[in-house]
Protein backbone atom coordinates (compact mmCIF):
# COMPACT_ATOMS: atom_id res chain seq x y z
CA MET A 1 92.63 65.04 177.56
CA PRO A 2 92.89 62.55 174.69
CA SER A 3 95.67 63.31 172.14
CA ALA A 4 94.00 61.28 168.93
CA LEU A 5 90.21 60.97 168.32
CA SER A 6 88.80 59.88 164.43
CA ILE A 7 86.38 61.84 162.80
CA GLU A 8 83.68 59.65 163.44
CA GLU A 9 84.94 60.50 167.17
CA PHE A 10 83.84 63.35 166.56
CA ASP A 11 80.65 62.76 165.25
CA VAL A 12 79.75 60.44 167.85
CA LEU A 13 80.81 62.82 170.47
CA PHE A 14 79.23 66.09 168.35
CA ASP A 15 75.47 63.81 167.98
CA ALA A 16 75.53 63.33 171.93
CA VAL A 17 76.11 66.94 172.83
CA ARG A 18 73.18 67.94 170.49
CA ALA A 19 70.97 65.56 171.44
CA ARG A 20 71.68 66.70 175.02
CA LEU A 21 70.91 70.37 173.96
CA ARG A 22 67.44 69.10 172.08
CA ILE A 23 65.92 67.37 175.44
CA SER A 24 67.15 70.21 177.78
CA VAL A 25 65.45 72.78 175.05
CA VAL A 26 62.01 70.76 174.79
CA VAL A 27 62.04 70.51 178.66
CA GLY A 28 63.10 73.79 179.28
CA LEU A 29 60.04 75.25 176.87
CA ALA A 30 57.59 72.54 178.35
CA ALA A 31 58.37 73.87 182.17
CA THR A 32 57.89 77.96 181.06
CA THR A 33 55.04 77.28 179.36
CA GLU A 34 52.55 74.46 181.34
CA GLN A 35 54.30 74.79 185.11
CA HIS A 36 56.17 77.71 185.38
CA GLU A 37 58.36 75.60 187.92
CA PRO A 38 61.50 78.30 188.36
CA THR A 39 63.80 75.00 189.03
CA ALA A 40 62.95 72.98 186.03
CA ILE A 41 63.34 76.42 183.87
CA ARG A 42 67.48 76.86 185.47
CA HIS A 43 67.90 73.11 185.64
CA ALA A 44 66.85 72.82 181.63
CA PHE A 45 69.44 76.39 180.74
CA GLY A 46 72.10 75.37 183.22
CA THR A 47 71.78 72.09 181.14
CA MET A 48 72.41 73.97 178.18
CA PHE A 49 74.91 75.83 179.29
CA GLU A 50 76.92 72.80 180.18
CA CYS A 51 75.90 71.65 176.19
CA VAL A 52 77.50 74.97 174.96
CA ASP A 53 80.88 74.10 176.68
CA ALA A 54 80.99 70.30 175.87
CA LEU A 55 80.92 71.65 171.97
CA ASP A 56 83.27 74.80 173.37
CA LYS A 57 85.84 72.13 174.60
CA LEU A 58 85.09 70.15 171.31
CA GLN A 59 85.65 72.38 169.01
CA ALA A 60 89.17 73.22 170.78
CA LEU A 61 90.13 69.52 170.52
CA LEU A 62 89.06 69.28 166.83
CA ALA A 63 91.32 71.99 166.67
CA LEU A 64 94.30 70.38 167.81
CA GLN A 65 93.57 67.65 166.06
CA ARG A 66 93.35 69.11 162.78
CA ALA A 67 96.34 71.80 163.27
CA PRO A 68 99.19 68.91 162.46
CA ARG A 69 97.06 67.05 160.06
CA GLU A 70 96.85 70.26 158.09
CA ALA A 71 99.93 71.33 158.32
CA SER A 72 101.47 68.21 157.06
CA MET A 73 99.38 68.13 153.46
CA THR A 74 100.37 71.95 153.50
CA ALA A 75 104.55 70.62 153.75
CA THR A 76 103.72 67.39 151.24
CA SER A 77 101.20 68.68 149.22
CA PRO A 78 103.68 69.83 145.84
CA GLY A 79 103.18 73.45 144.85
CA ILE A 80 101.12 74.53 141.89
CA ALA A 81 103.55 73.08 138.52
CA GLN A 82 104.52 75.28 136.39
CA GLN A 83 104.03 74.86 132.40
CA PRO A 84 107.18 75.16 130.54
CA GLY A 85 107.33 78.86 129.87
CA SER A 86 105.26 80.12 132.51
CA GLY A 87 107.65 82.47 133.91
CA ASP A 88 110.02 79.11 135.48
CA PRO A 89 113.14 80.26 134.78
CA THR A 90 114.48 76.24 134.98
CA ALA A 91 112.25 75.70 132.29
CA PRO A 92 113.28 74.52 128.76
CA PRO A 93 113.06 77.03 126.18
CA GLN A 94 110.08 76.51 123.71
């Protein structure tokens, strides 16, 4: 599993899975409305489930990618600056 992907790479992967899922739905619908061919329907649904599995994996990987970034942003971002006299005991009196 790759350790680091850019946001653009995630976009490409999500686009690829969505495109495959759309094609599978169209094939499945065509098979059910025109041919009533069980093999084509099973294949289309199998591909749809593969796409859902791929989306689950991408989502988990994206969460792993975001966790360190969000943790570093939280650690490095300053807290809300308090105005003097706003309850900050180190603030000079007004």
